[in-house]
């Protein structure tokens, strides 16, 4: 029974490395499986300019 990684033998180190590798592969597989399958094609939408308007936040006169 190894209570510290400093005093652990080679087999214990190997077990820790293998478990870390398995856990990281499981997280990566879960992330790939749960991502949304959205089509990322880019389309351009044309927006035509409308009538110009003036927006102010006070009742002061606006000088142009």
C-alpha atoms as a PDB file:
ATOM      1  CA  UNK A   1       0.000   0.000   0.000  1.00  0.00           C
ATOM      2  CA  UNK A   2       1.567   3.267  -1.158  1.00  0.00           C
ATOM      3  CA  UNK A   3       0.422   6.377   0.641  1.00  0.00           C
ATOM      4  CA  UNK A   4       2.613   8.769  -1.349  1.00  0.00           C
ATOM      5  CA  UNK A   5       3.673   9.005  -4.971  1.00  0.00           C
ATOM      6  CA  UNK A   6       7.232   9.706  -3.833  1.00  0.00           C
ATOM      7  CA  UNK A   7       7.558   6.270  -2.262  1.00  0.00           C
ATOM      8  CA  UNK A   8       5.420   4.457  -4.838  1.00  0.00           C
ATOM      9  CA  UNK A   9       6.895   1.783  -7.036  1.00  0.00           C
ATOM     10  CA  UNK A  10       6.937   1.679 -10.814  1.00  0.00           C
ATOM     11  CA  UNK A  11       3.672  -0.270 -11.109  1.00  0.00           C
ATOM     12  CA  UNK A  12       1.786   2.349  -9.085  1.00  0.00           C
ATOM     13  CA  UNK A  13       3.132   5.152 -11.267  1.00  0.00           C
ATOM     14  CA  UNK A  14       2.072   3.218 -14.343  1.00  0.00           C
ATOM     15  CA  UNK A  15      -1.437   2.735 -12.931  1.00  0.00           C
ATOM     16  CA  UNK A  16      -1.753   6.478 -12.265  1.00  0.00           C
ATOM     17  CA  UNK A  17      -0.605   7.371 -15.784  1.00  0.00           C
ATOM     18  CA  UNK A  18      -2.949   4.828 -17.393  1.00  0.00           C
ATOM     19  CA  UNK A  19      -5.928   6.043 -15.339  1.00  0.00           C
ATOM     20  CA  UNK A  20      -5.178   9.663 -16.281  1.00  0.00           C
ATOM     21  CA  UNK A  21      -4.987   8.694 -19.944  1.00  0.00           C
ATOM     22  CA  UNK A  22      -8.275   6.771 -19.784  1.00  0.00           C
ATOM     23  CA  UNK A  23      -9.996   9.665 -17.989  1.00  0.00           C
ATOM     24  CA  UNK A  24      -8.753  12.223 -20.529  1.00  0.00           C
ATOM     25  CA  UNK A  25      -9.905  10.048 -23.436  1.00  0.00           C
ATOM     26  CA  UNK A  26     -13.318   9.653 -21.793  1.00  0.00           C
ATOM     27  CA  UNK A  27     -13.672  13.431 -21.376  1.00  0.00           C
ATOM     28  CA  UNK A  28     -12.613  14.034 -24.988  1.00  0.00           C
ATOM     29  CA  UNK A  29     -15.035  11.386 -26.294  1.00  0.00           C
ATOM     30  CA  UNK A  30     -17.865  12.845 -24.223  1.00  0.00           C
ATOM     31  CA  UNK A  31     -17.127  16.326 -25.543  1.00  0.00           C
ATOM     32  CA  UNK A  32     -17.092  15.173 -29.150  1.00  0.00           C
ATOM     33  CA  UNK A  33     -20.277  13.143 -28.706  1.00  0.00           C
ATOM     34  CA  UNK A  34     -22.258  15.956 -27.073  1.00  0.00           C
ATOM     35  CA  UNK A  35     -21.310  18.802 -29.371  1.00  0.00           C
ATOM     36  CA  UNK A  36     -24.126  20.188 -31.443  1.00  0.00           C
ATOM     37  CA  UNK A  37     -24.239  19.138 -35.070  1.00  0.00           C
ATOM     38  CA  UNK A  38     -24.902  22.595 -36.459  1.00  0.00           C
ATOM     39  CA  UNK A  39     -24.094  23.413 -40.056  1.00  0.00           C
ATOM     40  CA  UNK A  40     -21.447  26.139 -39.886  1.00  0.00           C
ATOM     41  CA  UNK A  41     -21.781  27.360 -43.474  1.00  0.00           C
ATOM     42  CA  UNK A  42     -21.653  31.106 -43.780  1.00  0.00           C
ATOM     43  CA  UNK A  43     -24.396  32.970 -45.580  1.00  0.00           C
ATOM     44  CA  UNK A  44     -24.629  36.681 -46.226  1.00  0.00           C
ATOM     45  CA  UNK A  45     -27.890  38.468 -45.475  1.00  0.00           C
ATOM     46  CA  UNK A  46     -28.442  41.747 -47.301  1.00  0.00           C
ATOM     47  CA  UNK A  47     -29.910  44.522 -45.174  1.00  0.00           C
ATOM     48  CA  UNK A  48     -31.043  47.622 -47.036  1.00  0.00           C
ATOM     49  CA  UNK A  49     -30.802  51.000 -45.361  1.00  0.00           C
ATOM     50  CA  UNK A  50     -34.107  52.549 -44.459  1.00  0.00           C
ATOM     51  CA  UNK A  51     -35.171  56.107 -43.807  1.00  0.00           C
ATOM     52  CA  UNK A  52     -32.645  58.004 -41.625  1.00  0.00           C
ATOM     53  CA  UNK A  53     -33.812  58.864 -38.111  1.00  0.00           C
ATOM     54  CA  UNK A  54     -32.430  60.983 -35.288  1.00  0.00           C
ATOM     55  CA  UNK A  55     -32.320  59.628 -31.761  1.00  0.00           C
ATOM     56  CA  UNK A  56     -31.515  61.796 -28.762  1.00  0.00           C
ATOM     57  CA  UNK A  57     -31.730  61.292 -25.037  1.00  0.00           C
ATOM     58  CA  UNK A  58     -32.747  64.844 -24.109  1.00  0.00           C
ATOM     59  CA  UNK A  59     -35.120  67.581 -25.243  1.00  0.00           C
ATOM     60  CA  UNK A  60     -32.277  69.929 -26.209  1.00  0.00           C
ATOM     61  CA  UNK A  61     -32.164  71.289 -29.741  1.00  0.00           C
ATOM     62  CA  UNK A  62     -29.998  69.470 -32.194  1.00  0.00           C
ATOM     63  CA  UNK A  63     -27.855  71.558 -34.487  1.00  0.00           C
ATOM     64  CA  UNK A  64     -26.727  70.072 -37.772  1.00  0.00           C
END
